[in-house]
Amino acid sequence: MIGQIIEKEQIQDYKIISAAVDKSDVLHDTLFAAQRLGNEFKSKTTIVFQTEDGPKRVETTVWSLTEKYIQIKSGVLIPLKSILEVEL
């Protein structure tokens, strides 16, 4: 898995940008499963997303999934078009 590991509290320190390839459609089912794991079992998911400083990897609980974003703790939103990988 690619990406520098960061803490979820550090996400707002980075400018999140779109990935070279938008994988939103491909990752939708996995992200939906991550949301379910987060809400029902408080289970964490590893998410790799693109920033201006390169890929970053965070292990966090996915609280909600919308058409364009996932929401994690403290109301932090990560755009789906910036997500590179998801590991449950």
N, C-alpha and C. Protein backbone atom coordinates (compact mmCIF):
# COMPACT_ATOMS: atom_id res chain seq x y z
N MET A 1 0.85 -1.18 0.00
CA MET A 1 0.00 0.00 0.00
C MET A 1 0.90 1.24 0.00
N ILE A 2 0.54 2.20 -0.83
CA ILE A 2 1.34 3.41 -0.98
C ILE A 2 0.93 4.45 0.06
N GLY A 3 1.72 5.51 0.14
CA GLY A 3 1.34 6.66 0.95
C GLY A 3 2.04 6.73 2.29
N GLN A 4 2.42 7.95 2.66
CA GLN A 4 3.00 8.22 3.97
C GLN A 4 1.89 8.12 5.02
N ILE A 5 2.15 7.44 6.11
CA ILE A 5 1.16 7.29 7.17
C ILE A 5 1.07 8.59 7.97
N ILE A 6 -0.17 9.07 8.16
CA ILE A 6 -0.41 10.24 8.99
C ILE A 6 -1.54 9.94 9.96
N GLU A 7 -1.65 10.74 11.00
CA GLU A 7 -2.76 10.62 11.94
C GLU A 7 -3.96 11.35 11.37
N LYS A 8 -5.17 10.90 11.70
CA LYS A 8 -6.37 11.54 11.17
C LYS A 8 -6.45 13.01 11.56
N GLU A 9 -5.86 13.37 12.70
CA GLU A 9 -5.86 14.76 13.15
C GLU A 9 -4.99 15.65 12.25
N GLN A 10 -4.11 15.05 11.46
CA GLN A 10 -3.21 15.80 10.57
C GLN A 10 -3.80 16.06 9.19
N ILE A 11 -4.92 15.45 8.87
CA ILE A 11 -5.48 15.57 7.53
C ILE A 11 -5.67 17.02 7.12
N GLN A 12 -6.20 17.84 8.03
CA GLN A 12 -6.45 19.24 7.68
C GLN A 12 -5.16 20.03 7.44
N ASP A 13 -3.99 19.45 7.76
CA ASP A 13 -2.72 20.11 7.50
C ASP A 13 -2.29 20.01 6.03
N TYR A 14 -3.00 19.19 5.26
CA TYR A 14 -2.65 18.95 3.86
C TYR A 14 -3.75 19.44 2.93
N LYS A 15 -3.34 19.87 1.74
CA LYS A 15 -4.32 20.24 0.72
C LYS A 15 -4.63 18.98 -0.10
N ILE A 16 -5.86 18.51 0.02
CA ILE A 16 -6.29 17.32 -0.70
C ILE A 16 -6.63 17.71 -2.14
N ILE A 17 -6.09 16.94 -3.09
CA ILE A 17 -6.34 17.21 -4.51
C ILE A 17 -6.90 15.95 -5.18
N SER A 18 -7.44 16.12 -6.36
CA SER A 18 -7.97 14.98 -7.11
C SER A 18 -6.85 14.04 -7.51
N ALA A 19 -7.14 12.76 -7.49
CA ALA A 19 -6.19 11.75 -7.96
C ALA A 19 -6.11 11.82 -9.48
N ALA A 20 -5.05 11.28 -10.04
CA ALA A 20 -4.88 11.27 -11.49
C ALA A 20 -6.04 10.54 -12.16
N VAL A 21 -6.53 9.49 -11.50
CA VAL A 21 -7.66 8.71 -12.00
C VAL A 21 -8.73 8.69 -10.92
N ASP A 22 -9.94 9.09 -11.27
CA ASP A 22 -11.05 9.08 -10.33
C ASP A 22 -11.57 7.65 -10.18
N LYS A 23 -11.38 7.07 -8.99
CA LYS A 23 -11.79 5.68 -8.73
C LYS A 23 -13.08 5.62 -7.92
N SER A 24 -13.83 6.72 -7.85
CA SER A 24 -15.04 6.79 -7.03
C SER A 24 -15.98 5.63 -7.29
N ASP A 25 -16.28 5.37 -8.56
CA ASP A 25 -17.23 4.32 -8.91
C ASP A 25 -16.71 2.94 -8.51
N VAL A 26 -15.43 2.71 -8.75
CA VAL A 26 -14.82 1.41 -8.45
C VAL A 26 -14.78 1.17 -6.94
N LEU A 27 -14.53 2.23 -6.17
CA LEU A 27 -14.37 2.09 -4.73
C LEU A 27 -15.67 2.23 -3.95
N HIS A 28 -16.77 2.57 -4.62
CA HIS A 28 -18.01 2.86 -3.92
C HIS A 28 -18.46 1.73 -3.00
N ASP A 29 -18.48 0.49 -3.48
CA ASP A 29 -18.93 -0.64 -2.66
C ASP A 29 -18.02 -0.86 -1.45
N THR A 30 -16.72 -0.70 -1.66
CA THR A 30 -15.77 -0.86 -0.56
C THR A 30 -15.97 0.25 0.47
N LEU A 31 -16.19 1.48 0.00
CA LEU A 31 -16.42 2.59 0.92
C LEU A 31 -17.74 2.42 1.67
N PHE A 32 -18.75 1.89 1.02
CA PHE A 32 -20.02 1.62 1.68
C PHE A 32 -19.81 0.58 2.79
N ALA A 33 -19.02 -0.44 2.49
CA ALA A 33 -18.71 -1.46 3.49
C ALA A 33 -17.91 -0.85 4.64
N ALA A 34 -17.00 0.07 4.33
CA ALA A 34 -16.22 0.75 5.37
C ALA A 34 -17.12 1.57 6.28
N GLN A 35 -18.11 2.23 5.69
CA GLN A 35 -19.07 3.01 6.48
C GLN A 35 -19.84 2.08 7.42
N ARG A 36 -20.28 0.97 6.90
CA ARG A 36 -21.04 0.01 7.71
C ARG A 36 -20.17 -0.53 8.86
N LEU A 37 -18.93 -0.86 8.55
CA LEU A 37 -18.02 -1.33 9.60
C LEU A 37 -17.82 -0.27 10.67
N GLY A 38 -17.69 0.98 10.24
CA GLY A 38 -17.50 2.07 11.18
C GLY A 38 -18.69 2.30 12.07
N ASN A 39 -19.88 2.30 11.49
CA ASN A 39 -21.09 2.58 12.25
C ASN A 39 -21.54 1.43 13.13
N GLU A 40 -21.44 0.22 12.62
CA GLU A 40 -21.95 -0.92 13.36
C GLU A 40 -20.93 -1.56 14.30
N PHE A 41 -19.66 -1.51 13.91
CA PHE A 41 -18.64 -2.22 14.68
C PHE A 41 -17.51 -1.33 15.18
N LYS A 42 -17.57 -0.03 14.86
CA LYS A 42 -16.51 0.93 15.23
C LYS A 42 -15.15 0.46 14.71
N SER A 43 -15.18 -0.22 13.57
CA SER A 43 -13.98 -0.77 12.96
C SER A 43 -13.31 0.28 12.07
N LYS A 44 -11.99 0.25 12.03
CA LYS A 44 -11.25 1.23 11.23
C LYS A 44 -10.92 0.70 9.84
N THR A 45 -10.74 1.64 8.92
CA THR A 45 -10.42 1.37 7.53
C THR A 45 -9.16 2.16 7.18
N THR A 46 -8.30 1.60 6.34
CA THR A 46 -7.14 2.34 5.86
C THR A 46 -7.49 2.98 4.52
N ILE A 47 -7.28 4.30 4.44
CA ILE A 47 -7.62 5.06 3.25
C ILE A 47 -6.37 5.79 2.77
N VAL A 48 -6.07 5.66 1.48
CA VAL A 48 -4.97 6.40 0.87
C VAL A 48 -5.59 7.45 -0.04
N PHE A 49 -5.18 8.70 0.15
CA PHE A 49 -5.73 9.80 -0.65
C PHE A 49 -4.61 10.70 -1.14
N GLN A 50 -4.89 11.44 -2.21
CA GLN A 50 -3.89 12.28 -2.86
C GLN A 50 -3.88 13.68 -2.26
N THR A 51 -2.68 14.19 -1.96
CA THR A 51 -2.51 15.57 -1.52
C THR A 51 -1.46 16.24 -2.41
N GLU A 52 -1.33 17.55 -2.25
CA GLU A 52 -0.29 18.26 -3.01
C GLU A 52 1.10 17.72 -2.67
N ASP A 53 1.24 17.15 -1.46
CA ASP A 53 2.53 16.62 -1.01
C ASP A 53 2.70 15.13 -1.29
N GLY A 54 1.80 14.58 -2.13
CA GLY A 54 1.86 13.16 -2.45
C GLY A 54 0.82 12.37 -1.68
N PRO A 55 0.76 11.07 -1.91
CA PRO A 55 -0.25 10.23 -1.27
C PRO A 55 -0.04 10.17 0.25
N LYS A 56 -1.15 10.21 0.98
CA LYS A 56 -1.13 10.06 2.44
C LYS A 56 -2.04 8.91 2.81
N ARG A 57 -1.68 8.19 3.85
CA ARG A 57 -2.44 7.03 4.30
C ARG A 57 -2.88 7.27 5.74
N VAL A 58 -4.14 7.00 6.01
CA VAL A 58 -4.69 7.20 7.35
C VAL A 58 -5.56 6.00 7.72
N GLU A 59 -5.50 5.61 8.98
CA GLU A 59 -6.38 4.55 9.47
C GLU A 59 -7.44 5.23 10.33
N THR A 60 -8.69 5.10 9.93
CA THR A 60 -9.75 5.84 10.59
C THR A 60 -11.09 5.12 10.44
N THR A 61 -12.07 5.62 11.17
CA THR A 61 -13.43 5.11 11.06
C THR A 61 -14.19 5.98 10.07
N VAL A 62 -14.85 5.37 9.10
CA VAL A 62 -15.68 6.10 8.14
C VAL A 62 -17.08 6.23 8.74
N TRP A 63 -17.51 7.47 8.99
CA TRP A 63 -18.81 7.70 9.61
C TRP A 63 -19.93 7.80 8.59
N SER A 64 -19.64 8.44 7.45
CA SER A 64 -20.70 8.54 6.43
C SER A 64 -20.09 8.62 5.04
N LEU A 65 -20.93 8.27 4.07
CA LEU A 65 -20.54 8.27 2.66
C LEU A 65 -21.63 9.01 1.90
N THR A 66 -21.22 10.03 1.13
CA THR A 66 -22.17 10.74 0.27
C THR A 66 -21.76 10.51 -1.17
N GLU A 67 -22.42 11.22 -2.06
CA GLU A 67 -22.10 11.07 -3.48
C GLU A 67 -20.70 11.56 -3.81
N LYS A 68 -20.17 12.51 -3.01
CA LYS A 68 -18.87 13.10 -3.34
C LYS A 68 -17.81 12.99 -2.25
N TYR A 69 -18.21 12.61 -1.03
CA TYR A 69 -17.26 12.62 0.09
C TYR A 69 -17.47 11.43 1.02
N ILE A 70 -16.39 11.14 1.79
CA ILE A 70 -16.55 10.33 2.99
C ILE A 70 -16.31 11.29 4.15
N GLN A 71 -17.01 11.03 5.25
CA GLN A 71 -16.81 11.82 6.45
C GLN A 71 -16.21 10.93 7.52
N ILE A 72 -15.16 11.45 8.16
CA ILE A 72 -14.54 10.72 9.25
C ILE A 72 -14.71 11.55 10.53
N LYS A 73 -14.04 11.17 11.57
CA LYS A 73 -14.17 11.82 12.87
C LYS A 73 -13.96 13.34 12.78
N SER A 74 -14.63 14.07 13.64
CA SER A 74 -14.53 15.53 13.74
C SER A 74 -15.06 16.24 12.50
N GLY A 75 -15.90 15.57 11.71
CA GLY A 75 -16.50 16.21 10.55
C GLY A 75 -15.55 16.42 9.38
N VAL A 76 -14.39 15.77 9.39
CA VAL A 76 -13.42 15.90 8.30
C VAL A 76 -13.97 15.18 7.06
N LEU A 77 -13.94 15.87 5.93
CA LEU A 77 -14.42 15.30 4.66
C LEU A 77 -13.24 15.02 3.75
N ILE A 78 -13.27 13.86 3.11
CA ILE A 78 -12.27 13.51 2.09
C ILE A 78 -13.03 13.29 0.79
N PRO A 79 -12.70 14.07 -0.26
CA PRO A 79 -13.39 13.89 -1.54
C PRO A 79 -13.13 12.50 -2.12
N LEU A 80 -14.18 11.88 -2.64
CA LEU A 80 -14.03 10.55 -3.24
C LEU A 80 -13.05 10.56 -4.39
N LYS A 81 -13.03 11.65 -5.17
CA LYS A 81 -12.14 11.71 -6.34
C LYS A 81 -10.66 11.80 -5.97
N SER A 82 -10.36 11.98 -4.68
CA SER A 82 -8.96 12.04 -4.24
C SER A 82 -8.47 10.69 -3.67
N ILE A 83 -9.40 9.73 -3.49
CA ILE A 83 -9.05 8.46 -2.86
C ILE A 83 -8.38 7.53 -3.86
N LEU A 84 -7.22 7.00 -3.44
CA LEU A 84 -6.43 6.10 -4.29
C LEU A 84 -6.67 4.63 -3.95
N GLU A 85 -6.77 4.32 -2.64
CA GLU A 85 -6.93 2.94 -2.20
C GLU A 85 -7.76 2.91 -0.92
N VAL A 86 -8.43 1.79 -0.72
CA VAL A 86 -9.18 1.56 0.52
C VAL A 86 -8.93 0.11 0.92
N GLU A 87 -8.60 -0.08 2.20
CA GLU A 87 -8.37 -1.44 2.71
C GLU A 87 -9.19 -1.61 3.98
N LEU A 88 -10.08 -2.59 3.96
CA LEU A 88 -10.94 -2.84 5.13
C LEU A 88 -10.23 -3.64 6.18
